[in-house]
Amino acid sequence: MKEFEWYGIRADNAKYEIGDICALSHNWWQDNPEDGSEYNKSLGLWDGGELDGTSAINCTDDLDNLPKVVEFVKKTYPATYIYLIGSDVCYGGNDANEIIMADAEVLKEF
């Protein structure tokens, strides 16, 4: 497996192949941020626009225990596909253990 500084588990409805770079995520808000964000009726959330990367749950320190992290993501973030993604650049997100990964590469599908 290719080496990266950061690893995350990503729940997504998009179908990716190993080696693909993930699409940029959006900044979703449960409460109206009153900044002009557009309301998405189907999700019941406000769309604060694209982020500078792809959101994922940080598993960098849990690579030996991926099944536990994958199960958490499956229960918490409903999506069709679950991926292990890697990046050398990331910053913290809004959710617990969330990271935003720049140019996140798909490494594995669960």
N, C-alpha and C. Protein backbone atom coordinates (compact mmCIF):
# COMPACT_ATOMS: atom_id res chain seq x y z
N MET A 1 0.86 -1.18 0.00
CA MET A 1 0.00 0.00 0.00
C MET A 1 0.90 1.24 0.00
N LYS A 2 0.50 2.24 -0.76
CA LYS A 2 1.24 3.49 -0.84
C LYS A 2 1.28 4.16 0.53
N GLU A 3 2.40 4.77 0.87
CA GLU A 3 2.58 5.42 2.16
C GLU A 3 2.12 6.87 2.12
N PHE A 4 1.35 7.27 3.13
CA PHE A 4 0.88 8.64 3.29
C PHE A 4 1.09 9.08 4.73
N GLU A 5 1.05 10.38 4.95
CA GLU A 5 1.13 10.93 6.31
C GLU A 5 -0.18 10.70 7.06
N TRP A 6 -1.31 10.75 6.34
CA TRP A 6 -2.63 10.68 6.96
C TRP A 6 -3.49 9.63 6.24
N TYR A 7 -4.36 8.96 7.03
CA TYR A 7 -5.29 7.98 6.49
C TYR A 7 -6.67 8.25 7.08
N GLY A 8 -7.69 8.02 6.28
CA GLY A 8 -9.05 8.23 6.75
C GLY A 8 -10.00 7.20 6.14
N ILE A 9 -11.11 7.01 6.82
CA ILE A 9 -12.19 6.17 6.30
C ILE A 9 -13.27 7.11 5.79
N ARG A 10 -13.64 6.92 4.55
CA ARG A 10 -14.58 7.80 3.84
C ARG A 10 -15.83 7.02 3.45
N ALA A 11 -17.01 7.53 3.86
CA ALA A 11 -18.30 7.01 3.40
C ALA A 11 -18.74 7.89 2.24
N ASP A 12 -19.11 7.27 1.12
CA ASP A 12 -19.43 8.05 -0.08
C ASP A 12 -20.43 7.30 -0.95
N ASN A 13 -21.23 8.03 -1.67
CA ASN A 13 -22.13 7.41 -2.65
C ASN A 13 -21.51 7.34 -4.03
N ALA A 14 -20.35 7.95 -4.20
CA ALA A 14 -19.64 7.91 -5.48
C ALA A 14 -18.83 6.62 -5.57
N LYS A 15 -18.80 6.04 -6.76
CA LYS A 15 -18.01 4.83 -7.00
C LYS A 15 -16.62 5.24 -7.48
N TYR A 16 -15.60 4.86 -6.72
CA TYR A 16 -14.21 5.14 -7.05
C TYR A 16 -13.47 3.83 -7.30
N GLU A 17 -12.39 3.94 -8.04
CA GLU A 17 -11.46 2.83 -8.24
C GLU A 17 -10.22 3.12 -7.40
N ILE A 18 -9.47 2.07 -7.07
CA ILE A 18 -8.21 2.24 -6.35
C ILE A 18 -7.31 3.17 -7.17
N GLY A 19 -6.74 4.17 -6.51
CA GLY A 19 -5.88 5.14 -7.17
C GLY A 19 -6.57 6.42 -7.57
N ASP A 20 -7.92 6.43 -7.58
CA ASP A 20 -8.66 7.65 -7.90
C ASP A 20 -8.46 8.70 -6.81
N ILE A 21 -8.56 9.96 -7.20
CA ILE A 21 -8.56 11.07 -6.25
C ILE A 21 -10.01 11.43 -5.96
N CYS A 22 -10.37 11.49 -4.69
CA CYS A 22 -11.75 11.77 -4.28
C CYS A 22 -12.16 13.20 -4.62
N ALA A 23 -13.44 13.38 -4.86
CA ALA A 23 -14.01 14.71 -5.07
C ALA A 23 -13.93 15.52 -3.78
N LEU A 24 -13.97 16.82 -3.93
CA LEU A 24 -13.99 17.70 -2.76
C LEU A 24 -15.30 17.54 -2.00
N SER A 25 -15.23 17.59 -0.70
CA SER A 25 -16.42 17.53 0.15
C SER A 25 -17.04 18.91 0.30
N HIS A 26 -18.25 18.92 0.84
CA HIS A 26 -18.95 20.17 1.12
C HIS A 26 -19.04 20.38 2.62
N ASN A 27 -19.13 21.62 3.01
CA ASN A 27 -19.29 21.99 4.41
C ASN A 27 -20.78 22.04 4.71
N TRP A 28 -21.30 20.98 5.36
CA TRP A 28 -22.73 20.88 5.65
C TRP A 28 -23.01 21.35 7.06
N TRP A 29 -24.06 22.15 7.23
CA TRP A 29 -24.43 22.70 8.54
C TRP A 29 -25.84 22.25 8.90
N GLN A 30 -26.03 21.83 10.14
CA GLN A 30 -27.36 21.46 10.63
C GLN A 30 -28.19 22.69 10.96
N ASP A 31 -27.53 23.72 11.45
CA ASP A 31 -28.22 24.96 11.79
C ASP A 31 -27.87 26.01 10.75
N ASN A 32 -28.81 26.88 10.45
CA ASN A 32 -28.59 27.91 9.45
C ASN A 32 -27.45 28.82 9.89
N PRO A 33 -26.34 28.83 9.13
CA PRO A 33 -25.22 29.70 9.51
C PRO A 33 -25.46 31.16 9.16
N GLU A 34 -26.59 31.46 8.51
CA GLU A 34 -26.97 32.83 8.14
C GLU A 34 -25.86 33.56 7.39
N ASP A 35 -25.17 32.80 6.52
CA ASP A 35 -24.11 33.39 5.71
C ASP A 35 -24.41 33.28 4.22
N GLY A 36 -25.67 32.98 3.91
CA GLY A 36 -26.05 32.82 2.51
C GLY A 36 -25.95 31.39 2.02
N SER A 37 -25.63 30.44 2.91
CA SER A 37 -25.55 29.03 2.51
C SER A 37 -26.90 28.57 1.97
N GLU A 38 -26.85 27.73 0.95
CA GLU A 38 -28.07 27.22 0.32
C GLU A 38 -28.58 26.01 1.09
N TYR A 39 -29.90 25.95 1.29
CA TYR A 39 -30.52 24.84 2.02
C TYR A 39 -30.77 23.68 1.07
N ASN A 40 -30.36 22.47 1.46
CA ASN A 40 -30.57 21.26 0.68
C ASN A 40 -31.73 20.50 1.34
N LYS A 41 -32.92 20.53 0.71
CA LYS A 41 -34.11 19.91 1.29
C LYS A 41 -33.96 18.41 1.48
N SER A 42 -33.34 17.72 0.51
CA SER A 42 -33.23 16.26 0.61
C SER A 42 -32.34 15.83 1.78
N LEU A 43 -31.34 16.62 2.11
CA LEU A 43 -30.46 16.31 3.24
C LEU A 43 -30.92 16.99 4.53
N GLY A 44 -31.69 18.05 4.40
CA GLY A 44 -32.11 18.81 5.57
C GLY A 44 -30.95 19.58 6.19
N LEU A 45 -30.00 20.03 5.33
CA LEU A 45 -28.80 20.72 5.79
C LEU A 45 -28.52 21.93 4.91
N TRP A 46 -27.72 22.85 5.44
CA TRP A 46 -27.26 24.00 4.66
C TRP A 46 -25.90 23.67 4.07
N ASP A 47 -25.72 24.01 2.80
CA ASP A 47 -24.48 23.75 2.09
C ASP A 47 -23.60 24.99 2.15
N GLY A 48 -22.53 24.91 2.92
CA GLY A 48 -21.61 26.03 3.07
C GLY A 48 -20.55 26.09 1.99
N GLY A 49 -20.68 25.26 0.95
CA GLY A 49 -19.73 25.28 -0.16
C GLY A 49 -18.66 24.21 -0.04
N GLU A 50 -17.84 24.13 -1.08
CA GLU A 50 -16.79 23.11 -1.14
C GLU A 50 -15.67 23.40 -0.15
N LEU A 51 -15.14 22.32 0.39
CA LEU A 51 -13.96 22.39 1.24
C LEU A 51 -12.71 22.28 0.37
N ASP A 52 -11.55 22.41 0.98
CA ASP A 52 -10.28 22.29 0.26
C ASP A 52 -9.81 20.84 0.17
N GLY A 53 -10.68 19.91 0.47
CA GLY A 53 -10.30 18.49 0.43
C GLY A 53 -11.51 17.60 0.65
N THR A 54 -11.23 16.36 0.98
CA THR A 54 -12.26 15.34 1.17
C THR A 54 -12.35 15.00 2.65
N SER A 55 -13.56 14.99 3.19
CA SER A 55 -13.72 14.68 4.61
C SER A 55 -13.69 13.17 4.84
N ALA A 56 -13.13 12.79 5.98
CA ALA A 56 -13.02 11.38 6.37
C ALA A 56 -12.85 11.32 7.88
N ILE A 57 -13.02 10.12 8.41
CA ILE A 57 -12.74 9.89 9.83
C ILE A 57 -11.29 9.44 9.94
N ASN A 58 -10.53 10.15 10.76
CA ASN A 58 -9.10 9.87 10.92
C ASN A 58 -8.88 8.46 11.46
N CYS A 59 -8.07 7.69 10.74
CA CYS A 59 -7.69 6.36 11.23
C CYS A 59 -6.18 6.18 11.17
N THR A 60 -5.44 7.28 11.08
CA THR A 60 -3.98 7.24 10.95
C THR A 60 -3.34 6.41 12.06
N ASP A 61 -3.82 6.57 13.27
CA ASP A 61 -3.25 5.83 14.40
C ASP A 61 -3.96 4.51 14.67
N ASP A 62 -4.95 4.16 13.85
CA ASP A 62 -5.74 2.95 14.04
C ASP A 62 -5.67 1.99 12.86
N LEU A 63 -4.59 2.05 12.08
CA LEU A 63 -4.50 1.20 10.88
C LEU A 63 -4.53 -0.28 11.22
N ASP A 64 -4.11 -0.65 12.42
CA ASP A 64 -4.15 -2.05 12.83
C ASP A 64 -5.54 -2.48 13.28
N ASN A 65 -6.44 -1.52 13.43
CA ASN A 65 -7.79 -1.82 13.92
C ASN A 65 -8.84 -1.22 12.98
N LEU A 66 -8.62 -1.32 11.67
CA LEU A 66 -9.54 -0.72 10.70
C LEU A 66 -10.96 -1.24 10.79
N PRO A 67 -11.21 -2.54 11.04
CA PRO A 67 -12.60 -3.00 11.10
C PRO A 67 -13.46 -2.22 12.10
N LYS A 68 -12.88 -1.84 13.23
CA LYS A 68 -13.62 -1.07 14.24
C LYS A 68 -13.99 0.31 13.70
N VAL A 69 -13.04 0.98 13.05
CA VAL A 69 -13.30 2.31 12.49
C VAL A 69 -14.30 2.21 11.34
N VAL A 70 -14.15 1.21 10.49
CA VAL A 70 -15.08 1.02 9.37
C VAL A 70 -16.50 0.81 9.88
N GLU A 71 -16.68 0.00 10.90
CA GLU A 71 -18.01 -0.23 11.47
C GLU A 71 -18.61 1.05 12.04
N PHE A 72 -17.79 1.86 12.72
CA PHE A 72 -18.26 3.14 13.24
C PHE A 72 -18.75 4.02 12.09
N VAL A 73 -17.96 4.11 11.02
CA VAL A 73 -18.33 4.96 9.88
C VAL A 73 -19.61 4.45 9.23
N LYS A 74 -19.74 3.14 9.07
CA LYS A 74 -20.96 2.57 8.46
C LYS A 74 -22.21 2.93 9.27
N LYS A 75 -22.09 2.90 10.60
CA LYS A 75 -23.23 3.20 11.47
C LYS A 75 -23.55 4.69 11.51
N THR A 76 -22.53 5.52 11.35
CA THR A 76 -22.68 6.96 11.55
C THR A 76 -22.97 7.73 10.27
N TYR A 77 -22.39 7.30 9.16
CA TYR A 77 -22.49 8.02 7.89
C TYR A 77 -23.06 7.10 6.82
N PRO A 78 -24.38 7.13 6.60
CA PRO A 78 -24.98 6.24 5.60
C PRO A 78 -24.49 6.58 4.19
N ALA A 79 -23.96 5.57 3.51
CA ALA A 79 -23.48 5.74 2.15
C ALA A 79 -23.38 4.37 1.49
N THR A 80 -23.26 4.37 0.20
CA THR A 80 -23.18 3.13 -0.56
C THR A 80 -21.81 2.47 -0.44
N TYR A 81 -20.75 3.28 -0.40
CA TYR A 81 -19.37 2.77 -0.41
C TYR A 81 -18.58 3.29 0.79
N ILE A 82 -17.64 2.46 1.23
CA ILE A 82 -16.73 2.85 2.31
C ILE A 82 -15.31 2.63 1.78
N TYR A 83 -14.46 3.68 1.93
CA TYR A 83 -13.11 3.63 1.40
C TYR A 83 -12.07 3.97 2.46
N LEU A 84 -10.88 3.40 2.29
CA LEU A 84 -9.69 3.87 2.98
C LEU A 84 -9.02 4.83 2.02
N ILE A 85 -8.76 6.06 2.48
CA ILE A 85 -8.12 7.05 1.63
C ILE A 85 -6.87 7.58 2.32
N GLY A 86 -5.93 8.09 1.53
CA GLY A 86 -4.69 8.60 2.07
C GLY A 86 -4.33 9.96 1.49
N SER A 87 -3.60 10.74 2.28
CA SER A 87 -3.16 12.07 1.86
C SER A 87 -1.94 12.48 2.68
N ASP A 88 -1.15 13.36 2.13
CA ASP A 88 -0.02 13.90 2.87
C ASP A 88 -0.33 15.25 3.51
N VAL A 89 -1.52 15.81 3.21
CA VAL A 89 -1.92 17.11 3.74
C VAL A 89 -3.35 17.00 4.26
N CYS A 90 -3.55 17.43 5.49
CA CYS A 90 -4.92 17.45 6.02
C CYS A 90 -5.04 18.46 7.15
N TYR A 91 -6.28 18.78 7.48
CA TYR A 91 -6.57 19.63 8.63
C TYR A 91 -7.83 19.13 9.29
N GLY A 92 -8.12 19.59 10.49
CA GLY A 92 -9.25 19.11 11.26
C GLY A 92 -10.58 19.58 10.69
N GLY A 93 -11.60 18.73 10.86
CA GLY A 93 -12.95 19.05 10.43
C GLY A 93 -13.83 19.42 11.60
N ASN A 94 -15.14 19.50 11.36
CA ASN A 94 -16.09 19.90 12.41
C ASN A 94 -16.57 18.73 13.26
N ASP A 95 -16.68 17.53 12.69
CA ASP A 95 -17.17 16.36 13.43
C ASP A 95 -16.03 15.77 14.26
N ALA A 96 -16.40 14.97 15.26
CA ALA A 96 -15.40 14.29 16.07
C ALA A 96 -14.55 13.38 15.19
N ASN A 97 -13.24 13.48 15.32
CA ASN A 97 -12.26 12.68 14.56
C ASN A 97 -12.30 12.92 13.06
N GLU A 98 -13.00 13.96 12.60
CA GLU A 98 -13.05 14.25 11.17
C GLU A 98 -11.79 15.00 10.74
N ILE A 99 -11.26 14.60 9.58
CA ILE A 99 -10.17 15.33 8.96
C ILE A 99 -10.56 15.65 7.52
N ILE A 100 -10.01 16.73 7.00
CA ILE A 100 -10.21 17.13 5.61
C ILE A 100 -8.89 16.87 4.90
N MET A 101 -8.90 15.99 3.92
CA MET A 101 -7.68 15.50 3.27
C MET A 101 -7.56 16.06 1.86
N ALA A 102 -6.45 16.74 1.59
CA ALA A 102 -6.19 17.31 0.27
C ALA A 102 -5.75 16.21 -0.69
N ASP A 103 -6.30 16.22 -1.90
CA ASP A 103 -5.93 15.24 -2.94
C ASP A 103 -5.95 13.82 -2.41
N ALA A 104 -7.04 13.48 -1.71
CA ALA A 104 -7.16 12.16 -1.07
C ALA A 104 -7.26 11.06 -2.11
N GLU A 105 -6.37 10.07 -1.99
CA GLU A 105 -6.32 8.95 -2.94
C GLU A 105 -7.01 7.72 -2.34
N VAL A 106 -7.82 7.06 -3.15
CA VAL A 106 -8.50 5.84 -2.73
C VAL A 106 -7.50 4.69 -2.69
N LEU A 107 -7.40 4.05 -1.53
CA LEU A 107 -6.44 2.96 -1.34
C LEU A 107 -7.11 1.60 -1.24
N LYS A 108 -8.35 1.57 -0.74
CA LYS A 108 -9.05 0.30 -0.54
C LYS A 108 -10.54 0.57 -0.43
N GLU A 109 -11.33 -0.37 -0.91
CA GLU A 109 -12.79 -0.32 -0.72
C GLU A 109 -13.19 -1.43 0.23
N PHE A 110 -14.11 -1.12 1.16
CA PHE A 110 -14.58 -2.12 2.12
C PHE A 110 -15.96 -2.62 1.73
